């Protein structure tokens, strides 16, 4: 059992959240347009339009939250840039006192110049990310700035992909980033050479495993080598009013999906969260707030990882859902709607709890 509250994000967390929400919005928009494009619509189609319109609105709200997170990081980056620009270089104090510059003043000045350039690049990337509208634009931005983002701290959750692991970044490209970094900052040459050797060794190991796996499987079975990825699945609440405690169990195919971590959504901020992730495909969750949970939106977000591609979406089945009101209000009526994860394109449909 693990207990946790909302944890602080960093730049990679915020950028990854933005990409996921851009992808989810595009999928929701395409699903809605697929039904709207029908010339003759049945009652079932009209109901589907209502559901998909609601889903698209939820994705738009998630995108607005992701952009707000990017804006928060952008404001911090601008502040850092201002602070770095205000630092004196190694020669300035000596010149002010009429003293000769220290022997290492030139190196300090170069380090400060590099720090300013990194701060400027960070601001530029976040400004561009805040304005992107599609995952294509986002991935192009990452590719152009992979060298800068490679220096960012990794996201907090276990097993998360760093930005050198995003689509489009091959092993040779990662090695080139390391080479460019040694030229930009010679002091990092030794650790970077070690890192490059490690990357090369990992690449050889992966290649060897792929060859062995290919020998053990027939040519038509490549699922074990495809579909590596991660998806962020929100769990939504609709129409909560003074909910004191929410209990939820989600079951899924543990041979295809692996739940890695869980963070709170906007409705669970300030709440106590207990959750348990089992290896056989179950997430059990309890969210308690003495002040009550009211509103509609994301309760929590679950990080799933998969190493497989399967034809049909993997169901996220809500096997148990219970909502208790504040003290004295008893149990509240609740209906649940299952979700899914599509391993073909790493998109998802969020499980929903609806309170009447």
Protein backbone atom coordinates (compact mmCIF):
# COMPACT_ATOMS: atom_id res chain seq x y z
CA UNK A 1 0.00 0.00 0.00
CA UNK A 2 1.30 3.42 -0.91
CA UNK A 3 0.09 6.79 0.26
CA UNK A 4 0.72 10.04 -1.51
CA UNK A 5 -0.45 13.52 -2.26
CA UNK A 6 0.07 15.53 -5.41
CA UNK A 7 3.78 15.66 -6.24
CA UNK A 8 5.64 18.52 -7.86
CA UNK A 9 6.15 18.45 -11.60
CA UNK A 10 9.20 19.39 -13.58
CA UNK A 11 9.61 20.51 -17.18
CA UNK A 12 9.56 16.98 -18.63
CA UNK A 13 6.45 16.07 -16.63
CA UNK A 14 4.64 19.14 -17.96
CA UNK A 15 5.75 18.58 -21.55
CA UNK A 16 4.80 14.91 -21.43
CA UNK A 17 1.37 15.80 -20.02
CA UNK A 18 0.89 18.31 -22.85
CA UNK A 19 1.74 15.76 -25.53
CA UNK A 20 -0.60 13.16 -24.02
CA UNK A 21 -3.49 15.61 -23.88
CA UNK A 22 -2.86 16.79 -27.46
CA UNK A 23 -2.98 13.18 -28.58
CA UNK A 24 -6.11 12.45 -26.54
CA UNK A 25 -7.87 15.54 -27.90
CA UNK A 26 -7.05 14.58 -31.50
CA UNK A 27 -8.46 11.09 -30.92
CA UNK A 28 -11.64 12.45 -29.30
CA UNK A 29 -12.09 14.95 -32.15
CA UNK A 30 -11.65 12.23 -34.78
CA UNK A 31 -14.13 9.94 -33.00
CA UNK A 32 -16.72 12.70 -32.88
CA UNK A 33 -16.25 13.67 -36.53
CA UNK A 34 -16.61 10.03 -37.56
CA UNK A 35 -20.18 10.01 -36.23
CA UNK A 36 -21.01 13.56 -37.31
CA UNK A 37 -19.99 12.66 -40.86
CA UNK A 38 -22.78 10.11 -41.24
CA UNK A 39 -25.59 11.30 -43.53
CA UNK A 40 -28.28 9.35 -41.71
CA UNK A 41 -27.98 9.12 -37.96
CA UNK A 42 -29.79 6.63 -35.76
CA UNK A 43 -30.78 7.16 -32.14
CA UNK A 44 -27.67 5.24 -31.20
CA UNK A 45 -25.57 7.64 -33.27
CA UNK A 46 -27.15 10.64 -31.55
CA UNK A 47 -26.32 9.15 -28.16
CA UNK A 48 -22.77 8.52 -29.37
CA UNK A 49 -22.50 12.15 -30.48
CA UNK A 50 -23.52 13.31 -27.00
CA UNK A 51 -20.97 11.03 -25.33
CA UNK A 52 -18.17 11.95 -27.69
CA UNK A 53 -18.93 15.65 -27.44
CA UNK A 54 -18.66 15.35 -23.67
CA UNK A 55 -15.43 13.40 -24.04
CA UNK A 56 -13.98 16.06 -26.35
CA UNK A 57 -14.93 18.78 -23.86
CA UNK A 58 -13.13 16.86 -21.12
CA UNK A 59 -10.05 16.58 -23.35
CA UNK A 60 -10.16 20.33 -24.03
CA UNK A 61 -10.29 20.97 -20.29
CA UNK A 62 -7.32 18.65 -19.79
CA UNK A 63 -5.43 20.48 -22.52
CA UNK A 64 -6.10 23.81 -20.82
CA UNK A 65 -4.69 22.39 -17.60
CA UNK A 66 -1.63 21.07 -19.43
CA UNK A 67 -1.02 24.49 -20.99
CA UNK A 68 -1.36 26.09 -17.55
CA UNK A 69 1.33 23.72 -16.29
CA UNK A 70 3.59 24.72 -19.20
CA UNK A 71 2.93 28.39 -18.46
CA UNK A 72 3.92 27.83 -14.83
CA UNK A 73 7.20 26.24 -15.92
CA UNK A 74 7.72 29.05 -18.42
CA UNK A 75 7.39 31.70 -15.72
CA UNK A 76 9.94 29.85 -13.59
CA UNK A 77 12.28 29.53 -16.57
CA UNK A 78 12.05 33.26 -17.27
CA UNK A 79 12.86 33.98 -13.64
CA UNK A 80 15.90 31.69 -13.81
CA UNK A 81 17.04 33.38 -17.01
CA UNK A 82 16.83 36.78 -15.31
CA UNK A 83 18.78 35.53 -12.30
CA UNK A 84 21.49 33.96 -14.47
CA UNK A 85 21.90 37.12 -16.51
CA UNK A 86 22.39 39.03 -13.25
CA UNK A 87 25.34 36.91 -12.15
CA UNK A 88 28.77 38.61 -12.39
CA UNK A 89 31.41 36.78 -14.41
CA UNK A 90 34.79 35.91 -12.96
CA UNK A 91 36.53 39.05 -14.20
CA UNK A 92 34.05 41.70 -13.05
CA UNK A 93 34.83 41.80 -9.27
CA UNK A 94 38.58 42.05 -9.92
CA UNK A 95 38.13 44.78 -12.50
CA UNK A 96 35.93 46.76 -10.11
CA UNK A 97 38.69 46.69 -7.46
CA UNK A 98 41.50 47.40 -9.91
CA UNK A 99 42.94 43.90 -9.36
CA UNK A 100 44.20 41.53 -12.03
CA UNK A 101 41.75 38.86 -13.13
CA UNK A 102 42.09 35.40 -11.58
CA UNK A 103 43.57 32.67 -13.80
CA UNK A 104 40.28 30.78 -13.80
CA UNK A 105 38.16 33.86 -14.59
CA UNK A 106 38.00 32.94 -18.28
CA UNK A 107 36.66 29.47 -17.51
CA UNK A 108 34.07 30.92 -15.15
CA UNK A 109 33.00 33.38 -17.82
CA UNK A 110 32.58 30.54 -20.33
CA UNK A 111 30.52 28.51 -17.85
CA UNK A 112 28.30 31.51 -17.19
CA UNK A 113 27.86 32.04 -20.94
CA UNK A 114 26.82 28.39 -21.34
CA UNK A 115 24.40 28.71 -18.44
CA UNK A 116 22.80 31.78 -20.02
CA UNK A 117 22.44 29.98 -23.35
CA UNK A 118 20.74 27.00 -21.66
CA UNK A 119 18.37 29.31 -19.78
CA UNK A 120 17.48 31.12 -23.02
CA UNK A 121 16.91 27.83 -24.83
CA UNK A 122 14.68 26.57 -22.00
CA UNK A 123 12.47 29.66 -22.24
CA UNK A 124 12.31 29.39 -26.02
CA UNK A 125 11.27 25.71 -25.89
CA UNK A 126 8.53 26.32 -23.33
CA UNK A 127 7.20 29.31 -25.28
CA UNK A 128 6.99 27.17 -28.41
CA UNK A 129 5.43 24.24 -26.52
CA UNK A 130 2.74 26.49 -25.08
CA UNK A 131 1.64 27.36 -28.60
CA UNK A 132 1.63 23.93 -30.28
CA UNK A 133 -1.69 22.48 -31.41
CA UNK A 134 -0.76 19.01 -32.70
CA UNK A 135 1.47 16.13 -31.66
CA UNK A 136 3.31 16.51 -34.97
CA UNK A 137 4.32 20.06 -34.09
CA UNK A 138 5.24 18.89 -30.59
CA UNK A 139 7.47 16.03 -31.77
CA UNK A 140 9.21 18.33 -34.26
CA UNK A 141 9.90 20.74 -31.40
CA UNK A 142 11.41 17.92 -29.32
CA UNK A 143 13.61 16.74 -32.16
CA UNK A 144 14.97 20.24 -32.75
CA UNK A 145 15.77 20.71 -29.07
CA UNK A 146 16.71 17.19 -27.95
CA UNK A 147 20.16 18.31 -26.80
CA UNK A 148 18.75 20.90 -24.39
CA UNK A 149 16.00 18.62 -23.04
CA UNK A 150 18.48 15.80 -22.44
CA UNK A 151 19.88 17.87 -19.55
CA UNK A 152 16.48 18.18 -17.81
CA UNK A 153 15.78 16.09 -14.67
CA UNK A 154 13.80 12.94 -15.40
CA UNK A 155 10.07 12.84 -14.51
CA UNK A 156 9.41 11.58 -11.00
CA UNK A 157 7.49 8.42 -11.87
CA UNK A 158 9.32 5.12 -12.20
CA UNK A 159 10.07 3.84 -15.67
CA UNK A 160 9.20 7.14 -17.35
CA UNK A 161 10.70 7.84 -20.75
CA UNK A 162 13.07 10.77 -20.87
CA UNK A 163 12.94 13.04 -23.88
CA UNK A 164 15.84 11.24 -25.52
CA UNK A 165 13.50 8.21 -25.49
CA UNK A 166 10.61 9.91 -27.34
CA UNK A 167 9.67 8.70 -30.83
CA UNK A 168 12.14 9.75 -33.50
CA UNK A 169 15.21 9.60 -31.26
CA UNK A 170 17.40 6.71 -32.44
CA UNK A 171 20.54 5.46 -30.70
CA UNK A 172 22.86 7.21 -33.22
CA UNK A 173 20.99 10.49 -32.62
CA UNK A 174 21.43 10.12 -28.86
CA UNK A 175 25.14 9.45 -29.32
CA UNK A 176 25.44 12.57 -31.51
CA UNK A 177 23.81 14.61 -28.73
CA UNK A 178 26.47 13.36 -26.32
CA UNK A 179 29.25 14.24 -28.80
CA UNK A 180 27.88 17.78 -29.26
CA UNK A 181 27.74 18.22 -25.50
CA UNK A 182 31.43 17.31 -25.12
CA UNK A 183 32.34 19.97 -27.67
CA UNK A 184 30.18 22.57 -25.95
CA UNK A 185 31.51 21.86 -22.47
CA UNK A 186 34.90 20.05 -22.40
CA UNK A 187 34.66 19.57 -18.61
CA UNK A 188 31.91 17.03 -19.15
CA UNK A 189 33.93 14.95 -21.62
CA UNK A 190 34.80 12.07 -19.29
CA UNK A 191 31.30 11.43 -17.84
CA UNK A 192 29.77 11.82 -21.29
CA UNK A 193 32.19 9.28 -22.78
CA UNK A 194 31.10 6.89 -20.04
CA UNK A 195 27.43 7.65 -20.81
CA UNK A 196 28.00 7.09 -24.54
CA UNK A 197 29.65 3.74 -23.82
CA UNK A 198 26.67 2.78 -21.66
CA UNK A 199 24.20 3.75 -24.40
CA UNK A 200 26.17 1.71 -26.93
CA UNK A 201 26.26 -1.30 -24.61
CA UNK A 202 22.51 -1.08 -24.02
CA UNK A 203 21.92 -0.89 -27.78
CA UNK A 204 23.98 -4.06 -28.31
CA UNK A 205 22.07 -5.86 -25.55
CA UNK A 206 18.70 -4.86 -27.06
CA UNK A 207 19.86 -5.98 -30.51
CA UNK A 208 20.96 -9.33 -29.09
CA UNK A 209 17.64 -9.84 -27.33
CA UNK A 210 15.78 -8.98 -30.54
CA UNK A 211 17.78 -11.57 -32.50
CA UNK A 212 17.20 -14.27 -29.87
CA UNK A 213 13.52 -13.41 -29.70
CA UNK A 214 13.26 -13.60 -33.48
CA UNK A 215 14.75 -17.08 -33.44
CA UNK A 216 12.28 -18.26 -30.82
CA UNK A 217 9.16 -16.85 -32.51
CA UNK A 218 7.84 -17.44 -35.97
CA UNK A 219 7.93 -14.54 -38.46
CA UNK A 220 4.29 -13.64 -37.88
CA UNK A 221 4.68 -13.01 -34.15
CA UNK A 222 6.47 -9.72 -33.52
CA UNK A 223 4.23 -8.41 -30.73
CA UNK A 224 7.01 -8.89 -28.19
CA UNK A 225 9.20 -6.37 -30.04
CA UNK A 226 6.58 -3.70 -30.73
CA UNK A 227 4.35 -1.27 -28.88
CA UNK A 228 6.74 -0.02 -26.26
CA UNK A 229 5.19 3.06 -24.79
CA UNK A 230 3.48 4.81 -21.95
CA UNK A 231 0.08 6.42 -21.61
CA UNK A 232 -1.48 8.62 -18.94
CA UNK A 233 -5.08 7.60 -18.18
CA UNK A 234 -7.29 10.00 -16.19
CA UNK A 235 -10.05 8.69 -13.93
CA UNK A 236 -12.96 11.14 -14.21
CA UNK A 237 -15.70 12.14 -11.77
CA UNK A 238 -18.97 13.64 -13.02
CA UNK A 239 -21.28 15.59 -10.71
CA UNK A 240 -19.70 15.05 -7.30
CA UNK A 241 -21.25 17.03 -4.42
CA UNK A 242 -19.66 16.86 -0.95
CA UNK A 243 -18.16 13.42 -1.51
CA UNK A 244 -16.15 12.57 1.59
CA UNK A 245 -14.53 9.35 0.35
CA UNK A 246 -14.34 7.66 -3.04
CA UNK A 247 -13.40 3.98 -3.41
CA UNK A 248 -12.52 2.51 -6.78
CA UNK A 249 -11.07 -0.69 -8.21
CA UNK A 250 -9.96 -0.92 -11.85
CA UNK A 251 -9.02 -4.25 -13.42
CA UNK A 252 -7.15 -4.79 -16.69
CA UNK A 253 -5.07 -7.39 -18.50
CA UNK A 254 -1.82 -7.43 -16.55
CA UNK A 255 -0.05 -9.37 -19.30
CA UNK A 256 -0.47 -6.43 -21.69
CA UNK A 257 -0.55 -3.35 -19.46
CA UNK A 258 1.49 -2.47 -16.38
CA UNK A 259 0.38 0.32 -14.07
CA UNK A 260 3.52 2.16 -12.94
CA UNK A 261 2.36 5.08 -10.80
CA UNK A 262 -0.54 7.32 -9.87
CA UNK A 263 -0.90 11.05 -9.22
CA UNK A 264 -3.82 13.18 -8.08
CA UNK A 265 -6.02 15.18 -10.43
CA UNK A 266 -7.55 18.57 -9.73
CA UNK A 267 -10.49 17.12 -7.74
CA UNK A 268 -8.16 15.25 -5.37
CA UNK A 269 -5.80 18.08 -4.54
CA UNK A 270 -5.43 18.31 -0.79
CA UNK A 271 -7.05 14.90 -0.33
CA UNK A 272 -5.54 11.79 1.26
CA UNK A 273 -4.90 9.16 -1.40
CA UNK A 274 -4.28 5.48 -0.69
CA UNK A 275 -3.68 3.17 -3.62
CA UNK A 276 -2.34 -0.26 -4.34
CA UNK A 277 -1.08 -1.57 -7.69
CA UNK A 278 -0.82 -5.34 -8.09
CA UNK A 279 1.18 -7.22 -10.68
CA UNK A 280 -1.84 -9.23 -11.87
CA UNK A 281 -3.69 -6.17 -13.21
CA UNK A 282 -5.56 -4.32 -10.46
CA UNK A 283 -5.46 -0.75 -9.17
CA UNK A 284 -7.29 -0.18 -5.89
CA UNK A 285 -7.86 3.41 -4.87
CA UNK A 286 -9.33 5.35 -1.94
CA UNK A 287 -9.52 9.16 -1.93
CA UNK A 288 -10.69 10.92 1.24
CA UNK A 289 -11.24 14.63 1.82
CA UNK A 290 -12.74 15.90 5.08
CA UNK A 291 -13.84 19.08 3.29
CA UNK A 292 -15.69 17.16 0.61
CA UNK A 293 -15.06 16.70 -3.13
CA UNK A 294 -17.38 18.71 -5.36
CA UNK A 295 -17.37 19.16 -9.12
CA UNK A 296 -16.53 17.31 -12.33
CA UNK A 297 -13.06 16.54 -13.63
CA UNK A 298 -10.04 14.34 -13.03
CA UNK A 299 -9.81 12.48 -9.74
CA UNK A 300 -6.45 10.80 -10.41
CA UNK A 301 -4.21 9.98 -13.35
CA UNK A 302 -2.65 6.53 -13.78
CA UNK A 303 0.56 5.87 -15.70
CA UNK A 304 0.36 2.66 -17.74
CA UNK A 305 3.15 1.07 -19.74
CA UNK A 306 2.95 -1.66 -22.35
CA UNK A 307 5.43 -3.73 -24.33
CA UNK A 308 2.81 -5.22 -26.63
CA UNK A 309 0.50 -4.25 -29.47
CA UNK A 310 -2.86 -6.01 -29.57
CA UNK A 311 -5.67 -5.59 -32.08
CA UNK A 312 -8.45 -4.56 -29.71
CA UNK A 313 -8.27 -1.88 -27.01
CA UNK A 314 -7.44 -3.23 -23.55
CA UNK A 315 -10.41 -2.76 -21.22
CA UNK A 316 -10.06 -0.84 -17.95
CA UNK A 317 -12.95 -2.38 -16.05
CA UNK A 318 -14.38 -0.61 -13.01
CA UNK A 319 -15.12 -3.66 -10.84
CA UNK A 320 -15.94 -1.68 -7.70
CA UNK A 321 -17.03 1.89 -7.12
CA UNK A 322 -18.41 3.43 -3.93
CA UNK A 323 -18.84 7.05 -2.88
CA UNK A 324 -19.49 8.08 0.71
CA UNK A 325 -20.77 11.53 1.61
CA UNK A 326 -19.47 13.68 4.40
CA UNK A 327 -20.12 12.46 7.94
CA UNK A 328 -23.79 11.60 8.40
CA UNK A 329 -24.68 11.64 4.68
CA UNK A 330 -24.18 7.93 4.08
CA UNK A 331 -23.34 6.30 0.74
CA UNK A 332 -24.11 8.24 -2.43
CA UNK A 333 -25.51 6.68 -5.64
CA UNK A 334 -22.89 6.22 -8.33
CA UNK A 335 -22.71 4.72 -11.81
CA UNK A 336 -19.44 3.72 -13.46
CA UNK A 337 -18.31 3.61 -17.06
CA UNK A 338 -15.34 1.49 -18.10
CA UNK A 339 -12.37 2.83 -20.03
CA UNK A 340 -9.75 1.39 -22.35
CA UNK A 341 -6.20 1.75 -23.67
CA UNK A 342 -5.46 1.32 -27.37
CA UNK A 343 -1.95 -0.11 -27.64
CA UNK A 344 -1.82 0.54 -31.39
CA UNK A 345 -1.50 4.30 -30.94
CA UNK A 346 -1.24 4.65 -27.14
CA UNK A 347 -4.52 6.51 -26.77
CA UNK A 348 -7.06 5.98 -24.02
CA UNK A 349 -10.66 6.43 -22.96
CA UNK A 350 -11.00 7.44 -19.33
CA UNK A 351 -13.06 5.46 -16.80
CA UNK A 352 -15.83 7.66 -15.37
CA UNK A 353 -17.78 7.73 -12.11
CA UNK A 354 -21.15 9.52 -12.47
CA UNK A 355 -22.95 10.73 -9.36
CA UNK A 356 -26.62 11.65 -9.54
